[in-house]
PDB file of N, CA and C in Angstrom:
ATOM      1  N   MET A   1      65.684 109.658 115.942  1.00  0.00           N
ATOM      2  CA  MET A   1      66.962 108.866 115.633  1.00  0.00           C
ATOM      3  C   MET A   1      67.131 108.583 114.256  1.00  0.00           C
ATOM      4  N   THR A   2      68.209 108.895 113.708  1.00  0.00           N
ATOM      5  CA  THR A   2      68.710 108.493 112.358  1.00  0.00           C
ATOM      6  C   THR A   2      69.027 107.115 112.252  1.00  0.00           C
ATOM      7  N   THR A   3      68.623 106.330 111.390  1.00  0.00           N
ATOM      8  CA  THR A   3      69.125 104.850 111.189  1.00  0.00           C
ATOM      9  C   THR A   3      69.924 104.870 109.816  1.00  0.00           C
ATOM     10  N   LEU A   4      70.881 103.950 109.633  1.00  0.00           N
ATOM     11  CA  LEU A   4      71.498 103.635 108.480  1.00  0.00           C
ATOM     12  C   LEU A   4      70.988 102.446 107.856  1.00  0.00           C
ATOM     13  N   ARG A   5      70.501 102.469 106.760  1.00  0.00           N
ATOM     14  CA  ARG A   5      69.876 101.380 106.070  1.00  0.00           C
ATOM     15  C   ARG A   5      70.658 100.316 105.717  1.00  0.00           C
ATOM     16  N   GLN A   6      70.285  99.004 105.615  1.00  0.00           N
ATOM     17  CA  GLN A   6      71.071  97.891 105.253  1.00  0.00           C
ATOM     18  C   GLN A   6      71.666  98.082 103.861  1.00  0.00           C
ATOM     19  N   ASN A   7      72.884  97.619 103.793  1.00  0.00           N
ATOM     20  CA  ASN A   7      73.701  97.703 102.326  1.00  0.00           C
ATOM     21  C   ASN A   7      73.778  99.128 102.023  1.00  0.00           C
ATOM     22  N   PRO A   8      74.206 100.117 102.703  1.00  0.00           N
ATOM     23  CA  PRO A   8      74.246 101.465 102.248  1.00  0.00           C
ATOM     24  C   PRO A   8      75.245 101.809 101.369  1.00  0.00           C
ATOM     25  N   THR A   9      74.841 102.741 100.481  1.00  0.00           N
ATOM     26  CA  THR A   9      75.849 103.497  99.543  1.00  0.00           C
ATOM     27  C   THR A   9      76.544 104.435 100.324  1.00  0.00           C
ATOM     28  N   LEU A  10      77.730 104.851  99.603  1.00  0.00           N
ATOM     29  CA  LEU A  10      78.586 106.008 100.095  1.00  0.00           C
ATOM     30  C   LEU A  10      77.554 107.152 100.394  1.00  0.00           C
ATOM     31  N   ALA A  11      76.650 107.511  99.398  1.00  0.00           N
ATOM     32  CA  ALA A  11      75.781 108.768  99.633  1.00  0.00           C
ATOM     33  C   ALA A  11      74.829 108.370 101.015  1.00  0.00           C
ATOM     34  N   ASP A  12      74.411 107.180 101.266  1.00  0.00           N
ATOM     35  CA  ASP A  12      73.671 106.753 102.432  1.00  0.00           C
ATOM     36  C   ASP A  12      74.597 107.133 103.720  1.00  0.00           C
ATOM     37  N   TYR A  13      75.851 106.826 103.558  1.00  0.00           N
ATOM     38  CA  TYR A  13      76.764 107.191 104.781  1.00  0.00           C
ATOM     39  C   TYR A  13      76.871 108.586 104.960  1.00  0.00           C
ATOM     40  N   GLN A  14      76.952 109.352 103.813  1.00  0.00           N
ATOM     41  CA  GLN A  14      77.175 110.770 103.803  1.00  0.00           C
ATOM     42  C   GLN A  14      75.837 111.451 104.604  1.00  0.00           C
ATOM     43  N   ARG A  15      74.616 111.103 104.218  1.00  0.00           N
ATOM     44  CA  ARG A  15      73.295 111.589 104.639  1.00  0.00           C
ATOM     45  C   ARG A  15      73.303 111.171 106.042  1.00  0.00           C
ATOM     46  N   TYR A  16      73.695 109.913 106.563  1.00  0.00           N
ATOM     47  CA  TYR A  16      73.559 109.482 107.704  1.00  0.00           C
ATOM     48  C   TYR A  16      74.426 110.540 108.670  1.00  0.00           C
ATOM     49  N   VAL A  17      75.604 110.721 108.249  1.00  0.00           N
ATOM     50  CA  VAL A  17      76.611 111.557 109.062  1.00  0.00           C
ATOM     51  C   VAL A  17      75.978 112.869 109.202  1.00  0.00           C
ATOM     52  N   ALA A  18      75.513 113.487 108.071  1.00  0.00           N
ATOM     53  CA  ALA A  18      74.989 114.903 108.140  1.00  0.00           C
ATOM     54  C   ALA A  18      73.791 114.922 109.232  1.00  0.00           C
ATOM     55  N   ASP A  19      72.937 113.892 109.264  1.00  0.00           N
ATOM     56  CA  ASP A  19      71.915 113.679 110.161  1.00  0.00           C
ATOM     57  C   ASP A  19      72.348 113.669 111.724  1.00  0.00           C
ATOM     58  N   LEU A  20      73.287 112.663 111.821  1.00  0.00           N
ATOM     59  CA  LEU A  20      73.764 112.470 113.114  1.00  0.00           C
ATOM     60  C   LEU A  20      74.433 113.721 113.773  1.00  0.00           C
ATOM     61  N   GLU A  21      75.139 114.522 112.948  1.00  0.00           N
ATOM     62  CA  GLU A  21      75.881 115.690 113.299  1.00  0.00           C
ATOM     63  C   GLU A  21      74.836 116.782 113.749  1.00  0.00           C
ATOM     64  N   ARG A  22      73.705 116.834 113.094  1.00  0.00           N
ATOM     65  CA  ARG A  22      72.568 117.742 113.412  1.00  0.00           C
ATOM     66  C   ARG A  22      72.124 117.329 114.849  1.00  0.00           C
ATOM     67  N   GLN A  23      71.756 116.080 114.977  1.00  0.00           N
ATOM     68  CA  GLN A  23      71.162 115.518 116.301  1.00  0.00           C
ATOM     69  C   GLN A  23      72.148 115.755 117.359  1.00  0.00           C
ATOM     70  N   ARG A  24      73.511 115.501 117.141  1.00  0.00           N
ATOM     71  CA  ARG A  24      74.499 115.512 118.302  1.00  0.00           C
ATOM     72  C   ARG A  24      75.216 116.836 118.529  1.00  0.00           C
ATOM     73  N   GLY A  25      74.652 117.891 117.793  1.00  0.00           N
ATOM     74  CA  GLY A  25      75.128 119.243 118.050  1.00  0.00           C
ATOM     75  C   GLY A  25      76.571 119.595 117.464  1.00  0.00           C
ATOM     76  N   PHE A  26      77.018 118.823 116.345  1.00  0.00           N
ATOM     77  CA  PHE A  26      78.218 119.015 115.688  1.00  0.00           C
ATOM     78  C   PHE A  26      78.205 119.806 114.479  1.00  0.00           C
ATOM     79  N   ILE A  27      77.118 120.262 114.066  1.00  0.00           N
ATOM     80  CA  ILE A  27      76.895 120.970 112.658  1.00  0.00           C
ATOM     81  C   ILE A  27      77.599 122.168 112.516  1.00  0.00           C
ATOM     82  N   ASP A  28      77.997 122.928 113.664  1.00  0.00           N
ATOM     83  CA  ASP A  28      78.630 124.218 113.473  1.00  0.00           C
ATOM     84  C   ASP A  28      80.169 124.047 113.419  1.00  0.00           C
ATOM     85  N   GLN A  29      80.620 122.798 113.576  1.00  0.00           N
ATOM     86  CA  GLN A  29      82.016 122.699 113.511  1.00  0.00           C
ATOM     87  C   GLN A  29      82.553 122.870 111.935  1.00  0.00           C
ATOM     88  N   THR A  30      83.755 123.526 111.896  1.00  0.00           N
ATOM     89  CA  THR A  30      84.078 123.932 110.669  1.00  0.00           C
ATOM     90  C   THR A  30      84.848 122.862 109.927  1.00  0.00           C
ATOM     91  N   VAL A  31      85.208 123.009 108.701  1.00  0.00           N
ATOM     92  CA  VAL A  31      85.885 121.905 108.011  1.00  0.00           C
ATOM     93  C   VAL A  31      87.335 121.847 108.512  1.00  0.00           C
ATOM     94  N   LEU A  32      87.888 122.957 109.066  1.00  0.00           N
ATOM     95  CA  LEU A  32      89.307 122.987 109.527  1.00  0.00           C
ATOM     96  C   LEU A  32      89.167 122.024 110.846  1.00  0.00           C
ATOM     97  N   GLN A  33      88.187 122.293 111.707  1.00  0.00           N
ATOM     98  CA  GLN A  33      88.096 121.642 112.862  1.00  0.00           C
ATOM     99  C   GLN A  33      88.081 120.119 112.716  1.00  0.00           C
ATOM    100  N   LYS A  34      87.111 119.813 111.648  1.00  0.00           N
ATOM    101  CA  LYS A  34      86.876 118.222 111.173  1.00  0.00           C
ATOM    102  C   LYS A  34      88.196 117.747 110.675  1.00  0.00           C
ATOM    103  N   CYS A  35      88.962 118.419 110.110  1.00  0.00           N
ATOM    104  CA  CYS A  35      90.277 117.915 109.522  1.00  0.00           C
ATOM    105  C   CYS A  35      91.324 117.729 110.589  1.00  0.00           C
ATOM    106  N   LEU A  36      91.246 118.670 111.623  1.00  0.00           N
ATOM    107  CA  LEU A  36      92.190 118.390 112.768  1.00  0.00           C
ATOM    108  C   LEU A  36      91.743 117.215 113.563  1.00  0.00           C
ATOM    109  N   LEU A  37      90.333 116.915 113.825  1.00  0.00           N
ATOM    110  CA  LEU A  37      89.957 115.887 114.523  1.00  0.00           C
ATOM    111  C   LEU A  37      90.298 114.497 113.679  1.00  0.00           C
ATOM    112  N   LEU A  38      89.979 114.615 112.407  1.00  0.00           N
ATOM    113  CA  LEU A  38      90.435 113.377 111.490  1.00  0.00           C
ATOM    114  C   LEU A  38      91.777 113.088 111.817  1.00  0.00           C
ATOM    115  N   GLY A  39      92.732 114.016 111.865  1.00  0.00           N
ATOM    116  CA  GLY A  39      94.053 113.766 112.135  1.00  0.00           C
ATOM    117  C   GLY A  39      94.392 112.992 113.463  1.00  0.00           C
ATOM    118  N   GLU A  40      93.547 113.511 114.421  1.00  0.00           N
ATOM    119  CA  GLU A  40      93.653 112.786 115.773  1.00  0.00           C
ATOM    120  C   GLU A  40      93.153 111.359 115.800  1.00  0.00           C
ATOM    121  N   GLU A  41      92.099 111.075 114.926  1.00  0.00           N
ATOM    122  CA  GLU A  41      91.540 109.775 114.743  1.00  0.00           C
ATOM    123  C   GLU A  41      92.661 108.889 113.870  1.00  0.00           C
ATOM    124  N   VAL A  42      93.267 109.352 113.021  1.00  0.00           N
ATOM    125  CA  VAL A  42      94.223 108.609 112.378  1.00  0.00           C
ATOM    126  C   VAL A  42      95.537 108.127 113.261  1.00  0.00           C
ATOM    127  N   GLY A  43      95.814 108.983 114.304  1.00  0.00           N
ATOM    128  CA  GLY A  43      96.718 108.699 115.244  1.00  0.00           C
ATOM    129  C   GLY A  43      96.231 107.587 116.104  1.00  0.00           C
ATOM    130  N   GLU A  44      94.972 107.718 116.431  1.00  0.00           N
ATOM    131  CA  GLU A  44      94.279 106.739 117.211  1.00  0.00           C
ATOM    132  C   GLU A  44      94.189 105.250 116.319  1.00  0.00           C
ATOM    133  N   LEU A  45      94.030 105.470 115.248  1.00  0.00           N
ATOM    134  CA  LEU A  45      94.190 104.081 114.534  1.00  0.00           C
ATOM    135  C   LEU A  45      95.507 103.465 114.446  1.00  0.00           C
ATOM    136  N   PHE A  46      96.498 104.376 114.514  1.00  0.00           N
ATOM    137  CA  PHE A  46      98.064 103.882 114.507  1.00  0.00           C
ATOM    138  C   PHE A  46      98.296 103.130 115.908  1.00  0.00           C
ATOM    139  N   LYS A  47      97.690 103.641 116.846  1.00  0.00           N
ATOM    140  CA  LYS A  47      97.852 103.181 118.215  1.00  0.00           C
ATOM    141  C   LYS A  47      97.102 101.837 118.325  1.00  0.00           C
ATOM    142  N   ALA A  48      96.000 101.836 117.795  1.00  0.00           N
ATOM    143  CA  ALA A  48      95.118 100.504 117.699  1.00  0.00           C
ATOM    144  C   ALA A  48      96.021  99.312 116.823  1.00  0.00           C
ATOM    145  N   VAL A  49      96.557  99.788 115.851  1.00  0.00           N
ATOM    146  CA  VAL A  49      97.471  98.948 114.907  1.00  0.00           C
ATOM    147  C   VAL A  49      98.594  98.407 115.854  1.00  0.00           C
ATOM    148  N   ARG A  50      99.392  99.418 116.489  1.00  0.00           N
ATOM    149  CA  ARG A  50     100.334  99.007 117.422  1.00  0.00           C
ATOM    150  C   ARG A  50      99.779  97.840 118.344  1.00  0.00           C
ATOM    151  N   LYS A  51      98.708  98.092 119.079  1.00  0.00           N
ATOM    152  CA  LYS A  51      98.083  97.308 120.049  1.00  0.00           C
ATOM    153  C   LYS A  51      97.964  95.842 119.333  1.00  0.00           C
ATOM    154  N   LEU A  52      97.386  95.754 118.214  1.00  0.00           N
ATOM    155  CA  LEU A  52      97.058  94.527 117.456  1.00  0.00           C
ATOM    156  C   LEU A  52      98.298  94.010 117.103  1.00  0.00           C
ATOM    157  N   GLU A  53      99.457  94.638 116.764  1.00  0.00           N
ATOM    158  CA  GLU A  53     100.639  94.127 116.422  1.00  0.00           C
ATOM    159  C   GLU A  53     101.560  93.766 117.754  1.00  0.00           C
ATOM    160  N   LYS A  54     101.020  93.964 118.886  1.00  0.00           N
ATOM    161  CA  LYS A  54     101.757  93.726 120.273  1.00  0.00           C
ATOM    162  C   LYS A  54     102.876  94.600 120.347  1.00  0.00           C
ATOM    163  N   MET A  55     102.896  95.821 119.791  1.00  0.00           N
ATOM    164  CA  MET A  55     103.949  96.612 119.982  1.00  0.00           C
ATOM    165  C   MET A  55     103.813  97.493 121.244  1.00  0.00           C
ATOM    166  N   PRO A  56     104.925  97.948 121.863  1.00  0.00           N
ATOM    167  CA  PRO A  56     104.717  98.599 123.062  1.00  0.00           C
ATOM    168  C   PRO A  56     103.959  99.926 123.035  1.00  0.00           C
ATOM    169  N   LEU A  57     103.250 100.152 124.098  1.00  0.00           N
ATOM    170  CA  LEU A  57     102.203 101.263 124.233  1.00  0.00           C
ATOM    171  C   LEU A  57     102.451 102.093 125.719  1.00  0.00           C
ATOM    172  N   GLU A  58     102.115 103.149 125.716  1.00  0.00           N
ATOM    173  CA  GLU A  58     102.340 103.744 127.061  1.00  0.00           C
ATOM    174  C   GLU A  58     101.349 103.095 128.077  1.00  0.00           C
ATOM    175  N   ALA A  59     101.857 103.068 129.364  1.00  0.00           N
ATOM    176  CA  ALA A  59     101.010 102.495 130.260  1.00  0.00           C
ATOM    177  C   ALA A  59      99.695 103.252 130.447  1.00  0.00           C
ATOM    178  N   HIS A  60      98.633 102.538 130.822  1.00  0.00           N
ATOM    179  CA  HIS A  60      97.296 103.291 131.222  1.00  0.00           C
ATOM    180  C   HIS A  60      96.732 103.844 130.073  1.00  0.00           C
ATOM    181  N   GLN A  61      97.174 103.662 128.990  1.00  0.00           N
ATOM    182  CA  GLN A  61      96.522 104.393 127.895  1.00  0.00           C
ATOM    183  C   GLN A  61      95.398 103.730 127.362  1.00  0.00           C
ATOM    184  N   ARG A  62      94.292 104.390 127.086  1.00  0.00           N
ATOM    185  CA  ARG A  62      93.168 103.867 126.476  1.00  0.00           C
ATOM    186  C   ARG A  62      93.299 103.788 125.026  1.00  0.00           C
ATOM    187  N   VAL A  63      93.394 102.461 124.397  1.00  0.00           N
ATOM    188  CA  VAL A  63      93.488 102.375 123.042  1.00  0.00           C
ATOM    189  C   VAL A  63      92.278 101.605 122.438  1.00  0.00           C
ATOM    190  N   GLY A  64      91.673 102.200 121.401  1.00  0.00           N
ATOM    191  CA  GLY A  64      90.393 101.473 120.791  1.00  0.00           C
ATOM    192  C   GLY A  64      90.866 100.286 119.930  1.00  0.00           C
ATOM    193  N   THR A  65      89.902  99.742 119.282  1.00  0.00           N
ATOM    194  CA  THR A  65      90.259  98.616 118.356  1.00  0.00           C
ATOM    195  C   THR A  65      90.418  99.256 116.902  1.00  0.00           C
ATOM    196  N   VAL A  66      90.944  98.536 115.939  1.00  0.00           N
ATOM    197  CA  VAL A  66      91.249  99.105 114.629  1.00  0.00           C
ATOM    198  C   VAL A  66      89.882  99.226 114.099  1.00  0.00           C
ATOM    199  N   ASP A  67      88.826  98.413 114.219  1.00  0.00           N
ATOM    200  CA  ASP A  67      87.487  98.708 113.395  1.00  0.00           C
ATOM    201  C   ASP A  67      86.793  99.892 114.031  1.00  0.00           C
ATOM    202  N   GLU A  68      86.913 100.230 115.280  1.00  0.00           N
ATOM    203  CA  GLU A  68      86.357 101.432 115.927  1.00  0.00           C
ATOM    204  C   GLU A  68      87.031 102.652 115.451  1.00  0.00           C
ATOM    205  N   GLU A  69      88.369 102.637 115.258  1.00  0.00           N
ATOM    206  CA  GLU A  69      88.930 103.729 114.795  1.00  0.00           C
ATOM    207  C   GLU A  69      88.903 104.114 113.172  1.00  0.00           C
ATOM    208  N   ILE A  70      88.731 103.009 112.500  1.00  0.00           N
ATOM    209  CA  ILE A  70      88.457 103.076 111.113  1.00  0.00           C
ATOM    210  C   ILE A  70      86.978 103.684 110.865  1.00  0.00           C
ATOM    211  N   ALA A  71      86.167 103.186 111.764  1.00  0.00           N
ATOM    212  CA  ALA A  71      84.685 103.893 111.686  1.00  0.00           C
ATOM    213  C   ALA A  71      84.667 105.332 111.909  1.00  0.00           C
ATOM    214  N   ASP A  72      85.447 105.699 113.065  1.00  0.00           N
ATOM    215  CA  ASP A  72      85.641 107.079 113.433  1.00  0.00           C
ATOM    216  C   ASP A  72      86.242 107.854 112.152  1.00  0.00           C
ATOM    217  N   ILE A  73      87.171 107.281 111.527  1.00  0.00           N
ATOM    218  CA  ILE A  73      87.789 108.029 110.332  1.00  0.00           C
ATOM    219  C   ILE A  73      86.671 108.128 109.248  1.00  0.00           C
ATOM    220  N   MET A  74      86.055 107.214 109.030  1.00  0.00           N
ATOM    221  CA  MET A  74      84.880 107.212 107.888  1.00  0.00           C
ATOM    222  C   MET A  74      83.899 108.233 108.226  1.00  0.00           C
ATOM    223  N   ILE A  75      83.569 108.378 109.509  1.00  0.00           N
ATOM    224  CA  ILE A  75      82.491 109.296 109.981  1.00  0.00           C
ATOM    225  C   ILE A  75      83.125 110.854 109.515  1.00  0.00           C
ATOM    226  N   TYR A  76      84.567 111.058 110.013  1.00  0.00           N
ATOM    227  CA  TYR A  76      85.242 112.402 109.834  1.00  0.00           C
ATOM    228  C   TYR A  76      85.242 112.517 108.220  1.00  0.00           C
ATOM    229  N   LEU A  77      85.573 111.567 107.436  1.00  0.00           N
ATOM    230  CA  LEU A  77      85.707 111.677 105.999  1.00  0.00           C
ATOM    231  C   LEU A  77      84.381 112.067 105.520  1.00  0.00           C
ATOM    232  N   CYS A  78      83.244 111.443 105.788  1.00  0.00           N
ATOM    233  CA  CYS A  78      82.041 111.885 105.410  1.00  0.00           C
ATOM    234  C   CYS A  78      81.518 113.400 105.777  1.00  0.00           C
ATOM    235  N   SER A  79      81.919 113.722 106.960  1.00  0.00           N
ATOM    236  CA  SER A  79      81.721 115.120 107.501  1.00  0.00           C
ATOM    237  C   SER A  79      82.335 116.084 106.621  1.00  0.00           C
ATOM    238  N   ILE A  80      83.669 115.748 106.501  1.00  0.00           N
ATOM    239  CA  ILE A  80      84.463 116.823 105.647  1.00  0.00           C
ATOM    240  C   ILE A  80      83.970 116.797 104.334  1.00  0.00           C
ATOM    241  N   ALA A  81      83.578 115.732 103.607  1.00  0.00           N
ATOM    242  CA  ALA A  81      82.976 115.609 102.274  1.00  0.00           C
ATOM    243  C   ALA A  81      81.770 116.429 102.241  1.00  0.00           C
ATOM    244  N   ASN A  82      80.876 116.226 103.419  1.00  0.00           N
ATOM    245  CA  ASN A  82      79.633 117.093 103.345  1.00  0.00           C
ATOM    246  C   ASN A  82      79.905 118.642 103.378  1.00  0.00           C
ATOM    247  N   ARG A  83      80.720 118.990 104.196  1.00  0.00           N
ATOM    248  CA  ARG A  83      81.194 120.462 104.237  1.00  0.00           C
ATOM    249  C   ARG A  83      81.728 121.013 103.143  1.00  0.00           C
ATOM    250  N   THR A  84      82.259 120.212 102.347  1.00  0.00           N
ATOM    251  CA  THR A  84      83.157 120.837 101.141  1.00  0.00           C
ATOM    252  C   THR A  84      82.301 120.377  99.700  1.00  0.00           C
ATOM    253  N   GLY A  85      81.112 119.926  99.798  1.00  0.00           N
ATOM    254  CA  GLY A  85      80.271 119.525  98.635  1.00  0.00           C
ATOM    255  C   GLY A  85      80.782 118.405  97.729  1.00  0.00           C
ATOM    256  N   VAL A  86      81.634 117.508  98.522  1.00  0.00           N
ATOM    257  CA  VAL A  86      82.081 116.312  97.754  1.00  0.00           C
ATOM    258  C   VAL A  86      81.214 115.243  97.844  1.00  0.00           C
ATOM    259  N   ASP A  87      80.901 114.563  96.640  1.00  0.00           N
ATOM    260  CA  ASP A  87      80.052 113.387  96.587  1.00  0.00           C
ATOM    261  C   ASP A  87      81.243 112.335  96.663  1.00  0.00           C
ATOM    262  N   LEU A  88      81.231 111.569  97.632  1.00  0.00           N
ATOM    263  CA  LEU A  88      82.394 110.532  97.855  1.00  0.00           C
ATOM    264  C   LEU A  88      82.409 109.479  96.669  1.00  0.00           C
ATOM    265  N   GLU A  89      81.306 108.945  96.382  1.00  0.00           N
ATOM    266  CA  GLU A  89      81.355 107.922  95.280  1.00  0.00           C
ATOM    267  C   GLU A  89      81.711 108.471  93.996  1.00  0.00           C
ATOM    268  N   THR A  90      81.259 109.680  93.704  1.00  0.00           N
ATOM    269  CA  THR A  90      81.713 110.339  92.416  1.00  0.00           C
ATOM    270  C   THR A  90      83.364 110.629  92.488  1.00  0.00           C
ATOM    271  N   ALA A  91      83.682 111.103  93.592  1.00  0.00           N
ATOM    272  CA  ALA A  91      85.168 111.550  93.741  1.00  0.00           C
ATOM    273  C   ALA A  91      86.115 110.248  93.705  1.00  0.00           C
ATOM    274  N   PHE A  92      85.542 109.038  94.358  1.00  0.00           N
ATOM    275  CA  PHE A  92      86.232 107.792  94.422  1.00  0.00           C
ATOM    276  C   PHE A  92      86.293 107.258  92.875  1.00  0.00           C
ATOM    277  N   ARG A  93      85.331 107.154  92.236  1.00  0.00           N
ATOM    278  CA  ARG A  93      85.272 106.751  90.727  1.00  0.00           C
ATOM    279  C   ARG A  93      86.109 107.730  89.885  1.00  0.00           C
ATOM    280  N   LYS A  94      86.180 108.942  89.947  1.00  0.00           N
ATOM    281  CA  LYS A  94      86.877 109.792  89.235  1.00  0.00           C
ATOM    282  C   LYS A  94      88.359 109.645  89.424  1.00  0.00           C
ATOM    283  N   LYS A  95      88.772 109.372  90.709  1.00  0.00           N
ATOM    284  CA  LYS A  95      90.106 109.240  91.132  1.00  0.00           C
ATOM    285  C   LYS A  95      90.672 107.857  90.640  1.00  0.00           C
ATOM    286  N   GLU A  96      89.848 106.963  90.685  1.00  0.00           N
ATOM    287  CA  GLU A  96      90.124 105.571  90.228  1.00  0.00           C
ATOM    288  C   GLU A  96      90.341 105.533  88.512  1.00  0.00           C
ATOM    289  N   GLU A  97      89.575 106.332  88.062  1.00  0.00           N
ATOM    290  CA  GLU A  97      89.848 106.388  86.461  1.00  0.00           C
ATOM    291  C   GLU A  97      91.331 107.090  86.313  1.00  0.00           C
ATOM    292  N   VAL A  98      91.801 108.106  86.902  1.00  0.00           N
ATOM    293  CA  VAL A  98      93.030 108.618  86.878  1.00  0.00           C
ATOM    294  C   VAL A  98      93.989 107.543  87.374  1.00  0.00           C
ATOM    295  N   ASN A  99      93.825 106.748  88.385  1.00  0.00           N
ATOM    296  CA  ASN A  99      94.783 105.773  88.967  1.00  0.00           C
ATOM    297  C   ASN A  99      95.030 104.691  87.811  1.00  0.00           C
ATOM    298  N   LYS A 100      93.877 104.411  87.088  1.00  0.00           N
ATOM    299  CA  LYS A 100      94.068 103.185  86.177  1.00  0.00           C
ATOM    300  C   LYS A 100      95.076 103.656  85.190  1.00  0.00           C
ATOM    301  N   THR A 101      95.174 104.943  84.832  1.00  0.00           N
ATOM    302  CA  THR A 101      96.209 105.326  83.772  1.00  0.00           C
ATOM    303  C   THR A 101      97.708 105.375  84.183  1.00  0.00           C
ATOM    304  N   ARG A 102      97.789 105.296  85.588  1.00  0.00           N
ATOM    305  CA  ARG A 102      99.294 105.412  86.206  1.00  0.00           C
ATOM    306  C   ARG A 102     100.017 104.126  86.102  1.00  0.00           C
ATOM    307  N   VAL A 103     101.408 104.154  85.945  1.00  0.00           N
ATOM    308  CA  VAL A 103     102.134 103.011  86.096  1.00  0.00           C
ATOM    309  C   VAL A 103     102.534 102.761  87.538  1.00  0.00           C
ATOM    310  N   TRP A 104     102.271 101.584  87.944  1.00  0.00           N
ATOM    311  CA  TRP A 104     102.436 101.242  89.403  1.00  0.00           C
ATOM    312  C   TRP A 104     103.593 100.352  89.398  1.00  0.00           C
ATOM    313  N   SER A 105     104.738 100.565  90.142  1.00  0.00           N
ATOM    314  CA  SER A 105     106.024  99.873  90.370  1.00  0.00           C
ATOM    315  C   SER A 105     105.873  98.919  91.332  1.00  0.00           C
TER     316      SER A 105
END
């Protein structure tokens, strides 16, 4: 069983997700499948936020918590990054350098 070390880096999360996908039998899912599943998780996050904000929800609907749904989204992001060869930390830092040059209104 894979464990995630204390104070993990983004690379640690990516390795952890790769290991858990092998262990759980998800390694053959395509990047397209992962993207579609990520979209579903984003919808679940929206429902969790609606629940948190006391907005109406459909009766008898199982709605997770915001933290659970964000964790699921992070797992799918790591999975997609792994399948496409993206190092999340490098990508984040590179994108932030671009964002620093933008004018924000």
